[in-house]
Each structure stands twice: as C-alpha cells, then as structure tokens.
PDB file of N, CA and C in Angstrom:
ATOM      1  N   UNK A   1      40.127  14.258  -2.074  1.00  0.00           N
ATOM      2  CA  UNK A   1      40.043  12.814  -1.915  1.00  0.00           C
ATOM      3  C   UNK A   1      38.646  12.337  -2.290  1.00  0.00           C
ATOM      4  N   UNK A   2      38.561  11.168  -2.888  1.00  0.00           N
ATOM      5  CA  UNK A   2      37.291  10.606  -3.336  1.00  0.00           C
ATOM      6  C   UNK A   2      36.655   9.835  -2.185  1.00  0.00           C
ATOM      7  N   UNK A   3      35.405  10.184  -1.829  1.00  0.00           N
ATOM      8  CA  UNK A   3      34.727   9.401  -0.787  1.00  0.00           C
ATOM      9  C   UNK A   3      34.607   7.942  -1.210  1.00  0.00           C
ATOM     10  N   UNK A   4      34.635   7.040  -0.240  1.00  0.00           N
ATOM     11  CA  UNK A   4      34.580   5.615  -0.532  1.00  0.00           C
ATOM     12  C   UNK A   4      33.324   5.246  -1.322  1.00  0.00           C
ATOM     13  N   UNK A   5      32.203   5.894  -1.033  1.00  0.00           N
ATOM     14  CA  UNK A   5      30.965   5.579  -1.743  1.00  0.00           C
ATOM     15  C   UNK A   5      31.086   5.898  -3.227  1.00  0.00           C
ATOM     16  N   UNK A   6      31.904   6.883  -3.576  1.00  0.00           N
ATOM     17  CA  UNK A   6      32.083   7.240  -4.978  1.00  0.00           C
ATOM     18  C   UNK A   6      33.111   6.362  -5.681  1.00  0.00           C
ATOM     19  N   UNK A   7      33.982   5.693  -4.952  1.00  0.00           N
ATOM     20  CA  UNK A   7      35.041   4.925  -5.600  1.00  0.00           C
ATOM     21  C   UNK A   7      34.470   3.770  -6.430  1.00  0.00           C
ATOM     22  N   UNK A   8      33.454   3.082  -5.930  1.00  0.00           N
ATOM     23  CA  UNK A   8      32.814   2.006  -6.693  1.00  0.00           C
ATOM     24  C   UNK A   8      32.094   2.577  -7.908  1.00  0.00           C
ATOM     25  N   UNK A   9      31.428   3.718  -7.725  1.00  0.00           N
ATOM     26  CA  UNK A   9      30.736   4.372  -8.830  1.00  0.00           C
ATOM     27  C   UNK A   9      31.733   4.787  -9.907  1.00  0.00           C
ATOM     28  N   UNK A  10      32.847   5.352  -9.497  1.00  0.00           N
ATOM     29  CA  UNK A  10      33.859   5.794 -10.451  1.00  0.00           C
ATOM     30  C   UNK A  10      34.430   4.609 -11.227  1.00  0.00           C
ATOM     31  N   UNK A  11      34.655   3.513 -10.540  1.00  0.00           N
ATOM     32  CA  UNK A  11      35.131   2.299 -11.213  1.00  0.00           C
ATOM     33  C   UNK A  11      34.116   1.847 -12.260  1.00  0.00           C
ATOM     34  N   UNK A  12      32.821   1.871 -11.909  1.00  0.00           N
ATOM     35  CA  UNK A  12      31.762   1.510 -12.851  1.00  0.00           C
ATOM     36  C   UNK A  12      31.765   2.462 -14.054  1.00  0.00           C
ATOM     37  N   UNK A  13      31.880   3.756 -13.787  1.00  0.00           N
ATOM     38  CA  UNK A  13      31.875   4.737 -14.867  1.00  0.00           C
ATOM     39  C   UNK A  13      33.019   4.493 -15.843  1.00  0.00           C
ATOM     40  N   UNK A  14      34.196   4.206 -15.311  1.00  0.00           N
ATOM     41  CA  UNK A  14      35.364   4.007 -16.164  1.00  0.00           C
ATOM     42  C   UNK A  14      35.348   2.660 -16.875  1.00  0.00           C
ATOM     43  N   UNK A  15      35.002   1.601 -16.155  1.00  0.00           N
ATOM     44  CA  UNK A  15      35.103   0.261 -16.725  1.00  0.00           C
ATOM     45  C   UNK A  15      33.904  -0.119 -17.583  1.00  0.00           C
ATOM     46  N   UNK A  16      32.709   0.232 -17.151  1.00  0.00           N
ATOM     47  CA  UNK A  16      31.515  -0.197 -17.877  1.00  0.00           C
ATOM     48  C   UNK A  16      31.015   0.823 -18.891  1.00  0.00           C
ATOM     49  N   UNK A  17      31.142   2.092 -18.574  1.00  0.00           N
ATOM     50  CA  UNK A  17      30.633   3.128 -19.465  1.00  0.00           C
ATOM     51  C   UNK A  17      31.738   3.843 -20.240  1.00  0.00           C
ATOM     52  N   UNK A  18      32.996   3.525 -19.945  1.00  0.00           N
ATOM     53  CA  UNK A  18      34.145   4.125 -20.627  1.00  0.00           C
ATOM     54  C   UNK A  18      34.156   5.651 -20.534  1.00  0.00           C
ATOM     55  N   UNK A  19      33.782   6.175 -19.364  1.00  0.00           N
ATOM     56  CA  UNK A  19      33.859   7.615 -19.121  1.00  0.00           C
ATOM     57  C   UNK A  19      35.317   7.925 -18.789  1.00  0.00           C
ATOM     58  N   UNK A  20      35.857   8.938 -19.415  1.00  0.00           N
ATOM     59  CA  UNK A  20      37.282   9.247 -19.227  1.00  0.00           C
ATOM     60  C   UNK A  20      37.555   9.765 -17.813  1.00  0.00           C
ATOM     61  N   UNK A  21      38.777   9.548 -17.391  1.00  0.00           N
ATOM     62  CA  UNK A  21      39.203  10.027 -16.073  1.00  0.00           C
ATOM     63  C   UNK A  21      39.121  11.548 -16.004  1.00  0.00           C
ATOM     64  N   UNK A  22      39.408  12.219 -17.109  1.00  0.00           N
ATOM     65  CA  UNK A  22      39.339  13.686 -17.108  1.00  0.00           C
ATOM     66  C   UNK A  22      37.907  14.183 -16.955  1.00  0.00           C
ATOM     67  N   UNK A  23      36.948  13.503 -17.565  1.00  0.00           N
ATOM     68  CA  UNK A  23      35.539  13.882 -17.405  1.00  0.00           C
ATOM     69  C   UNK A  23      35.093  13.705 -15.961  1.00  0.00           C
ATOM     70  N   UNK A  24      35.517  12.610 -15.355  1.00  0.00           N
ATOM     71  CA  UNK A  24      35.165  12.348 -13.963  1.00  0.00           C
ATOM     72  C   UNK A  24      35.811  13.395 -13.060  1.00  0.00           C
ATOM     73  N   UNK A  25      37.055  13.751 -13.344  1.00  0.00           N
ATOM     74  CA  UNK A  25      37.753  14.762 -12.548  1.00  0.00           C
ATOM     75  C   UNK A  25      37.042  16.111 -12.631  1.00  0.00           C
ATOM     76  N   UNK A  26      36.576  16.478 -13.817  1.00  0.00           N
ATOM     77  CA  UNK A  26      35.829  17.729 -13.985  1.00  0.00           C
ATOM     78  C   UNK A  26      34.576  17.709 -13.120  1.00  0.00           C
ATOM     79  N   UNK A  27      33.839  16.608 -13.186  1.00  0.00           N
ATOM     80  CA  UNK A  27      32.598  16.491 -12.411  1.00  0.00           C
ATOM     81  C   UNK A  27      32.879  16.535 -10.912  1.00  0.00           C
ATOM     82  N   UNK A  28      33.945  15.883 -10.471  1.00  0.00           N
ATOM     83  CA  UNK A  28      34.289  15.890  -9.049  1.00  0.00           C
ATOM     84  C   UNK A  28      34.640  17.296  -8.570  1.00  0.00           C
ATOM     85  N   UNK A  29      35.336  18.062  -9.420  1.00  0.00           N
ATOM     86  CA  UNK A  29      35.645  19.454  -9.055  1.00  0.00           C
ATOM     87  C   UNK A  29      34.368  20.275  -8.915  1.00  0.00           C
ATOM     88  N   UNK A  30      33.419  20.055  -9.815  1.00  0.00           N
ATOM     89  CA  UNK A  30      32.149  20.780  -9.730  1.00  0.00           C
ATOM     90  C   UNK A  30      31.362  20.361  -8.486  1.00  0.00           C
ATOM     91  N   UNK A  31      31.467  19.092  -8.106  1.00  0.00           N
ATOM     92  CA  UNK A  31      30.790  18.610  -6.892  1.00  0.00           C
ATOM     93  C   UNK A  31      31.348  19.278  -5.641  1.00  0.00           C
ATOM     94  N   UNK A  32      32.644  19.579  -5.650  1.00  0.00           N
ATOM     95  CA  UNK A  32      33.251  20.251  -4.502  1.00  0.00           C
ATOM     96  C   UNK A  32      32.714  21.672  -4.357  1.00  0.00           C
ATOM     97  N   UNK A  33      32.518  22.354  -5.480  1.00  0.00           N
ATOM     98  CA  UNK A  33      32.044  23.736  -5.460  1.00  0.00           C
ATOM     99  C   UNK A  33      30.547  23.826  -5.226  1.00  0.00           C
ATOM    100  N   UNK A  34      29.799  22.920  -5.809  1.00  0.00           N
ATOM    101  CA  UNK A  34      28.333  22.927  -5.710  1.00  0.00           C
ATOM    102  C   UNK A  34      27.877  21.490  -5.494  1.00  0.00           C
ATOM    103  N   UNK A  35      27.859  21.042  -4.229  1.00  0.00           N
ATOM    104  CA  UNK A  35      27.578  19.636  -3.950  1.00  0.00           C
ATOM    105  C   UNK A  35      26.291  19.138  -4.607  1.00  0.00           C
ATOM    106  N   UNK A  36      26.404  17.966  -5.156  1.00  0.00           N
ATOM    107  CA  UNK A  36      25.267  17.299  -5.784  1.00  0.00           C
ATOM    108  C   UNK A  36      25.684  15.893  -6.148  1.00  0.00           C
ATOM    109  N   UNK A  37      24.734  15.071  -6.530  1.00  0.00           N
ATOM    110  CA  UNK A  37      25.067  13.694  -6.912  1.00  0.00           C
ATOM    111  C   UNK A  37      25.970  13.675  -8.150  1.00  0.00           C
ATOM    112  N   UNK A  38      27.025  12.907  -8.089  1.00  0.00           N
ATOM    113  CA  UNK A  38      27.987  12.828  -9.185  1.00  0.00           C
ATOM    114  C   UNK A  38      27.321  12.500 -10.522  1.00  0.00           C
ATOM    115  N   UNK A  39      26.415  11.517 -10.587  1.00  0.00           N
ATOM    116  CA  UNK A  39      25.786  11.229 -11.887  1.00  0.00           C
ATOM    117  C   UNK A  39      25.058  12.439 -12.487  1.00  0.00           C
ATOM    118  N   UNK A  40      24.388  13.205 -11.655  1.00  0.00           N
ATOM    119  CA  UNK A  40      23.666  14.371 -12.161  1.00  0.00           C
ATOM    120  C   UNK A  40      24.635  15.449 -12.651  1.00  0.00           C
ATOM    121  N   UNK A  41      25.739  15.626 -11.954  1.00  0.00           N
ATOM    122  CA  UNK A  41      26.738  16.612 -12.374  1.00  0.00           C
ATOM    123  C   UNK A  41      27.334  16.194 -13.721  1.00  0.00           C
ATOM    124  N   UNK A  42      27.634  14.913 -13.873  1.00  0.00           N
ATOM    125  CA  UNK A  42      28.145  14.425 -15.151  1.00  0.00           C
ATOM    126  C   UNK A  42      27.162  14.733 -16.277  1.00  0.00           C
ATOM    127  N   UNK A  43      25.894  14.514 -16.032  1.00  0.00           N
ATOM    128  CA  UNK A  43      24.874  14.754 -17.052  1.00  0.00           C
ATOM    129  C   UNK A  43      24.688  16.250 -17.321  1.00  0.00           C
ATOM    130  N   UNK A  44      24.634  17.043 -16.256  1.00  0.00           N
ATOM    131  CA  UNK A  44      24.433  18.489 -16.420  1.00  0.00           C
ATOM    132  C   UNK A  44      25.512  19.130 -17.273  1.00  0.00           C
ATOM    133  N   UNK A  45      26.730  18.628 -17.173  1.00  0.00           N
ATOM    134  CA  UNK A  45      27.830  19.197 -17.935  1.00  0.00           C
ATOM    135  C   UNK A  45      28.076  18.468 -19.257  1.00  0.00           C
ATOM    136  N   UNK A  46      27.159  17.604 -19.636  1.00  0.00           N
ATOM    137  CA  UNK A  46      27.254  16.933 -20.921  1.00  0.00           C
ATOM    138  C   UNK A  46      28.333  15.874 -21.003  1.00  0.00           C
ATOM    139  N   UNK A  47      28.721  15.339 -19.850  1.00  0.00           N
ATOM    140  CA  UNK A  47      29.796  14.348 -19.817  1.00  0.00           C
ATOM    141  C   UNK A  47      29.273  12.922 -19.945  1.00  0.00           C
ATOM    142  N   UNK A  48      27.970  12.738 -19.756  1.00  0.00           N
ATOM    143  CA  UNK A  48      27.311  11.459 -20.015  1.00  0.00           C
ATOM    144  C   UNK A  48      25.994  11.753 -20.738  1.00  0.00           C
ATOM    145  N   UNK A  49      25.530  10.776 -21.490  1.00  0.00           N
ATOM    146  CA  UNK A  49      24.247  10.912 -22.177  1.00  0.00           C
ATOM    147  C   UNK A  49      23.114  10.548 -21.222  1.00  0.00           C
ATOM    148  N   UNK A  50      21.912  10.821 -21.649  1.00  0.00           N
ATOM    149  CA  UNK A  50      20.749  10.443 -20.843  1.00  0.00           C
ATOM    150  C   UNK A  50      20.655   8.921 -20.696  1.00  0.00           C
ATOM    151  N   UNK A  51      21.025   8.204 -21.746  1.00  0.00           N
ATOM    152  CA  UNK A  51      21.025   6.738 -21.678  1.00  0.00           C
ATOM    153  C   UNK A  51      22.056   6.233 -20.665  1.00  0.00           C
ATOM    154  N   UNK A  52      23.235   6.868 -20.665  1.00  0.00           N
ATOM    155  CA  UNK A  52      24.257   6.477 -19.697  1.00  0.00           C
ATOM    156  C   UNK A  52      23.809   6.817 -18.281  1.00  0.00           C
ATOM    157  N   UNK A  53      23.148   7.949 -18.120  1.00  0.00           N
ATOM    158  CA  UNK A  53      22.639   8.337 -16.808  1.00  0.00           C
ATOM    159  C   UNK A  53      21.651   7.295 -16.298  1.00  0.00           C
ATOM    160  N   UNK A  54      20.792   6.809 -17.183  1.00  0.00           N
ATOM    161  CA  UNK A  54      19.831   5.773 -16.816  1.00  0.00           C
ATOM    162  C   UNK A  54      20.549   4.499 -16.384  1.00  0.00           C
ATOM    163  N   UNK A  55      21.614   4.126 -17.093  1.00  0.00           N
ATOM    164  CA  UNK A  55      22.397   2.945 -16.710  1.00  0.00           C
ATOM    165  C   UNK A  55      23.054   3.131 -15.350  1.00  0.00           C
ATOM    166  N   UNK A  56      23.522   4.352 -15.081  1.00  0.00           N
ATOM    167  CA  UNK A  56      24.143   4.643 -13.784  1.00  0.00           C
ATOM    168  C   UNK A  56      23.120   4.459 -12.668  1.00  0.00           C
ATOM    169  N   UNK A  57      21.919   5.004 -12.858  1.00  0.00           N
ATOM    170  CA  UNK A  57      20.889   4.870 -11.827  1.00  0.00           C
ATOM    171  C   UNK A  57      20.484   3.413 -11.644  1.00  0.00           C
ATOM    172  N   UNK A  58      20.401   2.654 -12.737  1.00  0.00           N
ATOM    173  CA  UNK A  58      20.100   1.226 -12.618  1.00  0.00           C
ATOM    174  C   UNK A  58      21.186   0.524 -11.819  1.00  0.00           C
ATOM    175  N   UNK A  59      22.443   0.846 -12.104  1.00  0.00           N
ATOM    176  CA  UNK A  59      23.561   0.231 -11.375  1.00  0.00           C
ATOM    177  C   UNK A  59      23.505   0.582  -9.894  1.00  0.00           C
ATOM    178  N   UNK A  60      23.187   1.851  -9.593  1.00  0.00           N
ATOM    179  CA  UNK A  60      23.129   2.284  -8.196  1.00  0.00           C
ATOM    180  C   UNK A  60      22.039   1.542  -7.430  1.00  0.00           C
ATOM    181  N   UNK A  61      20.931   1.227  -8.094  1.00  0.00           N
ATOM    182  CA  UNK A  61      19.858   0.502  -7.414  1.00  0.00           C
ATOM    183  C   UNK A  61      20.268  -0.917  -7.055  1.00  0.00           C
ATOM    184  N   UNK A  62      21.121  -1.518  -7.863  1.00  0.00           N
ATOM    185  CA  UNK A  62      21.505  -2.905  -7.613  1.00  0.00           C
ATOM    186  C   UNK A  62      22.815  -3.039  -6.846  1.00  0.00           C
ATOM    187  N   UNK A  63      23.582  -1.960  -6.773  1.00  0.00           N
ATOM    188  CA  UNK A  63      24.894  -2.026  -6.104  1.00  0.00           C
ATOM    189  C   UNK A  63      24.744  -2.029  -4.599  1.00  0.00           C
TER     190      UNK A  63
END
C-alpha cells in the first residue's frame, strides 16, 4: 500500500513529469527492500533525470 504522503508525490510524478506507472512501481518495490526517499530511488535507478529530480525537490519544498 502507498503511504498517504507518497500519494500526492506520485500524482505529481505522473501528471507533471510524465513518469510511467511501471517506473514508479519499480521504485516503490526497491523502497520496500531498502527504505529511502522515493525521489532518490527513482534517480538511483535511472528512472528520472537529474533535472527531474531537482523539480521533484522544488515541488516538495512548496507542497
């Protein structure tokens, strides 16, 4: 199950950054095995670019 704090982030990733649901699912599975911030896991596995990661952090600061 997706924690409520991640649901808004996931919506942002899909709607604003066009990150695929499968990429997000991969990152969430990795978070279950090795807990860490979802944006960093997405970046570590090459699922988002550094520019997208920066946009995610900017969004998190204002959300």
